[in-house]
PDB file of all heavy atoms in Angstrom:
ATOM      1  N   THR A   1      73.843  83.902 116.720  1.00  0.00           N
ATOM      2  CA  THR A   1      73.583  82.489 116.474  1.00  0.00           C
ATOM      3  C   THR A   1      72.603  82.309 115.326  1.00  0.00           C
ATOM      4  O   THR A   1      71.572  82.977 115.280  1.00  0.00           O
ATOM      5  CB  THR A   1      72.957  81.844 117.727  1.00  0.00           C
ATOM      6  OG1 THR A   1      73.798  82.069 118.852  1.00  0.00           O
ATOM      7  CG2 THR A   1      72.747  80.351 117.538  1.00  0.00           C
ATOM      8  N   VAL A   2      72.941  81.396 114.430  1.00  0.00           N
ATOM      9  CA  VAL A   2      72.012  80.959 113.394  1.00  0.00           C
ATOM     10  C   VAL A   2      72.064  79.437 113.378  1.00  0.00           C
ATOM     11  O   VAL A   2      73.143  78.842 113.450  1.00  0.00           O
ATOM     12  CB  VAL A   2      72.386  81.526 112.004  1.00  0.00           C
ATOM     13  CG1 VAL A   2      71.457  80.978 110.924  1.00  0.00           C
ATOM     14  CG2 VAL A   2      72.360  83.052 112.013  1.00  0.00           C
ATOM     15  N   SER A   3      70.914  78.821 113.308  1.00  0.00           N
ATOM     16  CA  SER A   3      70.860  77.357 113.241  1.00  0.00           C
ATOM     17  C   SER A   3      71.814  76.857 112.158  1.00  0.00           C
ATOM     18  O   SER A   3      71.828  77.392 111.047  1.00  0.00           O
ATOM     19  CB  SER A   3      69.432  76.914 112.909  1.00  0.00           C
ATOM     20  OG  SER A   3      69.423  75.559 112.502  1.00  0.00           O
ATOM     21  N   PRO A   4      72.620  75.827 112.456  1.00  0.00           N
ATOM     22  CA  PRO A   4      73.536  75.293 111.445  1.00  0.00           C
ATOM     23  C   PRO A   4      72.815  74.870 110.159  1.00  0.00           C
ATOM     24  O   PRO A   4      73.399  74.920 109.085  1.00  0.00           O
ATOM     25  CB  PRO A   4      74.173  74.087 112.140  1.00  0.00           C
ATOM     26  CG  PRO A   4      74.066  74.382 113.586  1.00  0.00           C
ATOM     27  CD  PRO A   4      72.777  75.148 113.749  1.00  0.00           C
ATOM     28  N   LEU A   5      71.554  74.509 110.262  1.00  0.00           N
ATOM     29  CA  LEU A   5      70.783  74.094 109.091  1.00  0.00           C
ATOM     30  C   LEU A   5      70.277  75.275 108.271  1.00  0.00           C
ATOM     31  O   LEU A   5      69.808  75.094 107.147  1.00  0.00           O
ATOM     32  CB  LEU A   5      69.601  73.221 109.534  1.00  0.00           C
ATOM     33  CG  LEU A   5      69.963  72.003 110.378  1.00  0.00           C
ATOM     34  CD1 LEU A   5      68.703  71.301 110.874  1.00  0.00           C
ATOM     35  CD2 LEU A   5      70.854  71.046 109.600  1.00  0.00           C
ATOM     36  N   GLU A   6      70.378  76.476 108.829  1.00  0.00           N
ATOM     37  CA  GLU A   6      69.865  77.684 108.163  1.00  0.00           C
ATOM     38  C   GLU A   6      70.972  78.673 107.799  1.00  0.00           C
ATOM     39  O   GLU A   6      70.685  79.746 107.272  1.00  0.00           O
ATOM     40  CB  GLU A   6      68.850  78.392 109.074  1.00  0.00           C
ATOM     41  CG  GLU A   6      67.729  77.511 109.590  1.00  0.00           C
ATOM     42  CD  GLU A   6      66.750  77.082 108.523  1.00  0.00           C
ATOM     43  OE1 GLU A   6      66.522  77.839 107.561  1.00  0.00           O
ATOM     44  OE2 GLU A   6      66.216  75.960 108.638  1.00  0.00           O
ATOM     45  N   GLN A   7      72.225  78.346 108.095  1.00  0.00           N
ATOM     46  CA  GLN A   7      73.315  79.284 107.825  1.00  0.00           C
ATOM     47  C   GLN A   7      73.494  79.498 106.327  1.00  0.00           C
ATOM     48  O   GLN A   7      73.185  78.631 105.523  1.00  0.00           O
ATOM     49  CB  GLN A   7      74.601  78.784 108.476  1.00  0.00           C
ATOM     50  CG  GLN A   7      74.527  78.859 109.981  1.00  0.00           C
ATOM     51  CD  GLN A   7      75.755  78.335 110.693  1.00  0.00           C
ATOM     52  OE1 GLN A   7      76.780  78.073 110.090  1.00  0.00           O
ATOM     53  NE2 GLN A   7      75.650  78.184 112.001  1.00  0.00           N
ATOM     54  N   GLY A   8      73.971  80.696 105.980  1.00  0.00           N
ATOM     55  CA  GLY A   8      74.192  81.035 104.582  1.00  0.00           C
ATOM     56  C   GLY A   8      72.968  81.621 103.901  1.00  0.00           C
ATOM     57  O   GLY A   8      72.980  81.828 102.682  1.00  0.00           O
ATOM     58  N   GLN A   9      71.926  81.916 104.659  1.00  0.00           N
ATOM     59  CA  GLN A   9      70.689  82.458 104.080  1.00  0.00           C
ATOM     60  C   GLN A   9      70.453  83.923 104.457  1.00  0.00           C
ATOM     61  O   GLN A   9      69.375  84.459 104.220  1.00  0.00           O
ATOM     62  CB  GLN A   9      69.494  81.610 104.513  1.00  0.00           C
ATOM     63  CG  GLN A   9      69.581  80.177 104.040  1.00  0.00           C
ATOM     64  CD  GLN A   9      68.394  79.343 104.501  1.00  0.00           C
ATOM     65  OE1 GLN A   9      67.323  79.872 104.776  1.00  0.00           O
ATOM     66  NE2 GLN A   9      68.586  78.045 104.578  1.00  0.00           N
ATOM     67  N   GLY A  10      71.443  84.564 105.064  1.00  0.00           N
ATOM     68  CA  GLY A  10      71.329  85.981 105.395  1.00  0.00           C
ATOM     69  C   GLY A  10      70.721  86.288 106.755  1.00  0.00           C
ATOM     70  O   GLY A  10      70.524  87.457 107.094  1.00  0.00           O
ATOM     71  N   ILE A  11      70.432  85.273 107.552  1.00  0.00           N
ATOM     72  CA  ILE A  11      69.826  85.509 108.870  1.00  0.00           C
ATOM     73  C   ILE A  11      70.798  86.257 109.777  1.00  0.00           C
ATOM     74  O   ILE A  11      70.404  87.196 110.477  1.00  0.00           O
ATOM     75  CB  ILE A  11      69.366  84.176 109.503  1.00  0.00           C
ATOM     76  CG1 ILE A  11      68.266  83.540 108.650  1.00  0.00           C
ATOM     77  CG2 ILE A  11      68.892  84.385 110.943  1.00  0.00           C
ATOM     78  CD1 ILE A  11      67.899  82.119 109.039  1.00  0.00           C
ATOM     79  N   GLY A  12      72.057  85.867 109.781  1.00  0.00           N
ATOM     80  CA  GLY A  12      73.051  86.557 110.602  1.00  0.00           C
ATOM     81  C   GLY A  12      73.173  88.026 110.231  1.00  0.00           C
ATOM     82  O   GLY A  12      73.250  88.896 111.108  1.00  0.00           O
ATOM     83  N   LYS A  13      73.175  88.328 108.937  1.00  0.00           N
ATOM     84  CA  LYS A  13      73.243  89.724 108.484  1.00  0.00           C
ATOM     85  C   LYS A  13      72.033  90.506 108.959  1.00  0.00           C
ATOM     86  O   LYS A  13      72.146  91.668 109.365  1.00  0.00           O
ATOM     87  CB  LYS A  13      73.319  89.775 106.956  1.00  0.00           C
ATOM     88  CG  LYS A  13      74.616  89.288 106.386  1.00  0.00           C
ATOM     89  CD  LYS A  13      74.568  89.299 104.877  1.00  0.00           C
ATOM     90  CE  LYS A  13      75.786  88.560 104.339  1.00  0.00           C
ATOM     91  NZ  LYS A  13      75.720  88.375 102.899  1.00  0.00           N
ATOM     92  N   LYS A  14      70.851  89.884 108.910  1.00  0.00           N
ATOM     93  CA  LYS A  14      69.635  90.566 109.362  1.00  0.00           C
ATOM     94  C   LYS A  14      69.683  90.835 110.857  1.00  0.00           C
ATOM     95  O   LYS A  14      69.277  91.902 111.315  1.00  0.00           O
ATOM     96  CB  LYS A  14      68.405  89.732 109.005  1.00  0.00           C
ATOM     97  CG  LYS A  14      68.125  89.696 107.516  1.00  0.00           C
ATOM     98  CD  LYS A  14      66.986  88.771 107.177  1.00  0.00           C
ATOM     99  CE  LYS A  14      66.821  88.692 105.667  1.00  0.00           C
ATOM    100  NZ  LYS A  14      65.865  87.667 105.262  1.00  0.00           N
ATOM    101  N   LEU A  15      70.182  89.877 111.630  1.00  0.00           N
ATOM    102  CA  LEU A  15      70.305  90.078 113.075  1.00  0.00           C
ATOM    103  C   LEU A  15      71.333  91.161 113.389  1.00  0.00           C
ATOM    104  O   LEU A  15      71.128  91.976 114.293  1.00  0.00           O
ATOM    105  CB  LEU A  15      70.671  88.765 113.763  1.00  0.00           C
ATOM    106  CG  LEU A  15      69.524  87.768 113.899  1.00  0.00           C
ATOM    107  CD1 LEU A  15      70.060  86.377 114.235  1.00  0.00           C
ATOM    108  CD2 LEU A  15      68.527  88.227 114.959  1.00  0.00           C
ATOM    109  N   LEU A  16      72.423  91.193 112.635  1.00  0.00           N
ATOM    110  CA  LEU A  16      73.442  92.219 112.831  1.00  0.00           C
ATOM    111  C   LEU A  16      72.856  93.603 112.541  1.00  0.00           C
ATOM    112  O   LEU A  16      73.067  94.549 113.302  1.00  0.00           O
ATOM    113  CB  LEU A  16      74.630  91.926 111.901  1.00  0.00           C
ATOM    114  CG  LEU A  16      76.010  92.383 112.312  1.00  0.00           C
ATOM    115  CD1 LEU A  16      76.398  91.894 113.685  1.00  0.00           C
ATOM    116  CD2 LEU A  16      77.030  91.934 111.279  1.00  0.00           C
ATOM    117  N   ALA A  17      72.092  93.717 111.461  1.00  0.00           N
ATOM    118  CA  ALA A  17      71.453  94.995 111.115  1.00  0.00           C
ATOM    119  C   ALA A  17      70.441  95.404 112.181  1.00  0.00           C
ATOM    120  O   ALA A  17      70.357  96.584 112.556  1.00  0.00           O
ATOM    121  CB  ALA A  17      70.788  94.898 109.745  1.00  0.00           C
ATOM    122  N   ALA A  18      69.683  94.449 112.697  1.00  0.00           N
ATOM    123  CA  ALA A  18      68.706  94.741 113.755  1.00  0.00           C
ATOM    124  C   ALA A  18      69.415  95.208 115.021  1.00  0.00           C
ATOM    125  O   ALA A  18      68.925  96.108 115.720  1.00  0.00           O
ATOM    126  CB  ALA A  18      67.845  93.510 114.038  1.00  0.00           C
ATOM    127  N   ALA A  19      70.575  94.630 115.317  1.00  0.00           N
ATOM    128  CA  ALA A  19      71.350  95.047 116.494  1.00  0.00           C
ATOM    129  C   ALA A  19      71.823  96.491 116.332  1.00  0.00           C
ATOM    130  O   ALA A  19      71.759  97.285 117.281  1.00  0.00           O
ATOM    131  CB  ALA A  19      72.545  94.115 116.691  1.00  0.00           C
ATOM    132  N   GLU A  20      72.277  96.833 115.135  1.00  0.00           N
ATOM    133  CA  GLU A  20      72.734  98.198 114.880  1.00  0.00           C
ATOM    134  C   GLU A  20      71.572  99.183 115.009  1.00  0.00           C
ATOM    135  O   GLU A  20      71.722 100.259 115.588  1.00  0.00           O
ATOM    136  CB  GLU A  20      73.400  98.279 113.510  1.00  0.00           C
ATOM    137  CG  GLU A  20      74.710  97.518 113.469  1.00  0.00           C
ATOM    138  CD  GLU A  20      75.315  97.401 112.080  1.00  0.00           C
ATOM    139  OE1 GLU A  20      74.882  98.115 111.154  1.00  0.00           O
ATOM    140  OE2 GLU A  20      76.246  96.576 111.923  1.00  0.00           O
ATOM    141  N   GLU A  21      70.414  98.810 114.490  1.00  0.00           N
ATOM    142  CA  GLU A  21      69.230  99.657 114.603  1.00  0.00           C
ATOM    143  C   GLU A  21      68.839  99.835 116.080  1.00  0.00           C
ATOM    144  O   GLU A  21      68.491 100.933 116.512  1.00  0.00           O
ATOM    145  CB  GLU A  21      68.077  99.037 113.820  1.00  0.00           C
ATOM    146  CG  GLU A  21      66.823  99.879 113.807  1.00  0.00           C
ATOM    147  CD  GLU A  21      65.718  99.244 112.989  1.00  0.00           C
ATOM    148  OE1 GLU A  21      66.008  98.597 111.968  1.00  0.00           O
ATOM    149  OE2 GLU A  21      64.548  99.377 113.401  1.00  0.00           O
ATOM    150  N   TYR A  22      68.915  98.761 116.842  1.00  0.00           N
ATOM    151  CA  TYR A  22      68.624  98.809 118.277  1.00  0.00           C
ATOM    152  C   TYR A  22      69.571  99.800 118.968  1.00  0.00           C
ATOM    153  O   TYR A  22      69.149 100.618 119.782  1.00  0.00           O
ATOM    154  CB  TYR A  22      68.762  97.401 118.854  1.00  0.00           C
ATOM    155  CG  TYR A  22      68.459  97.266 120.316  1.00  0.00           C
ATOM    156  CD1 TYR A  22      67.153  97.236 120.784  1.00  0.00           C
ATOM    157  CD2 TYR A  22      69.491  97.139 121.250  1.00  0.00           C
ATOM    158  CE1 TYR A  22      66.870  97.093 122.138  1.00  0.00           C
ATOM    159  CE2 TYR A  22      69.216  96.996 122.602  1.00  0.00           C
ATOM    160  CZ  TYR A  22      67.905  96.975 123.037  1.00  0.00           C
ATOM    161  OH  TYR A  22      67.640  96.836 124.378  1.00  0.00           O
ATOM    162  N   GLY A  23      70.854  99.730 118.636  1.00  0.00           N
ATOM    163  CA  GLY A  23      71.835 100.652 119.204  1.00  0.00           C
ATOM    164  C   GLY A  23      71.554 102.099 118.830  1.00  0.00           C
ATOM    165  O   GLY A  23      71.711 103.006 119.654  1.00  0.00           O
ATOM    166  N   GLN A  24      71.125 102.321 117.590  1.00  0.00           N
ATOM    167  CA  GLN A  24      70.762 103.675 117.147  1.00  0.00           C
ATOM    168  C   GLN A  24      69.587 104.208 117.951  1.00  0.00           C
ATOM    169  O   GLN A  24      69.607 105.351 118.411  1.00  0.00           O
ATOM    170  CB  GLN A  24      70.384 103.668 115.664  1.00  0.00           C
ATOM    171  CG  GLN A  24      71.553 103.578 114.728  1.00  0.00           C
ATOM    172  CD  GLN A  24      71.100 103.498 113.268  1.00  0.00           C
ATOM    173  OE1 GLN A  24      70.017 103.003 112.971  1.00  0.00           O
ATOM    174  NE2 GLN A  24      71.948 103.979 112.379  1.00  0.00           N
ATOM    175  N   ILE A  25      68.564 103.381 118.113  1.00  0.00           N
ATOM    176  CA  ILE A  25      67.371 103.788 118.862  1.00  0.00           C
ATOM    177  C   ILE A  25      67.739 104.195 120.289  1.00  0.00           C
ATOM    178  O   ILE A  25      67.203 105.156 120.830  1.00  0.00           O
ATOM    179  CB  ILE A  25      66.318 102.656 118.868  1.00  0.00           C
ATOM    180  CG1 ILE A  25      65.725 102.495 117.463  1.00  0.00           C
ATOM    181  CG2 ILE A  25      65.224 102.909 119.901  1.00  0.00           C
ATOM    182  CD1 ILE A  25      64.911 101.227 117.274  1.00  0.00           C
ATOM    183  N   LEU A  26      68.691 103.484 120.874  1.00  0.00           N
ATOM    184  CA  LEU A  26      69.129 103.787 122.239  1.00  0.00           C
ATOM    185  C   LEU A  26      70.114 104.950 122.301  1.00  0.00           C
ATOM    186  O   LEU A  26      70.501 105.378 123.386  1.00  0.00           O
ATOM    187  CB  LEU A  26      69.759 102.545 122.876  1.00  0.00           C
ATOM    188  CG  LEU A  26      68.822 101.367 123.111  1.00  0.00           C
ATOM    189  CD1 LEU A  26      69.585 100.165 123.650  1.00  0.00           C
ATOM    190  CD2 LEU A  26      67.692 101.740 124.053  1.00  0.00           C
TER     191      LEU A  26
END
C-alpha cells in the first residue's frame, strides 16, 4: 500500500526491497 497522494515516488519499490531483505534475513 502507498497513499494515493504519494504514489509514483518510489515508496512501493522501497517497501518491496525491504520485504525481500526481510525474507533474506529469515
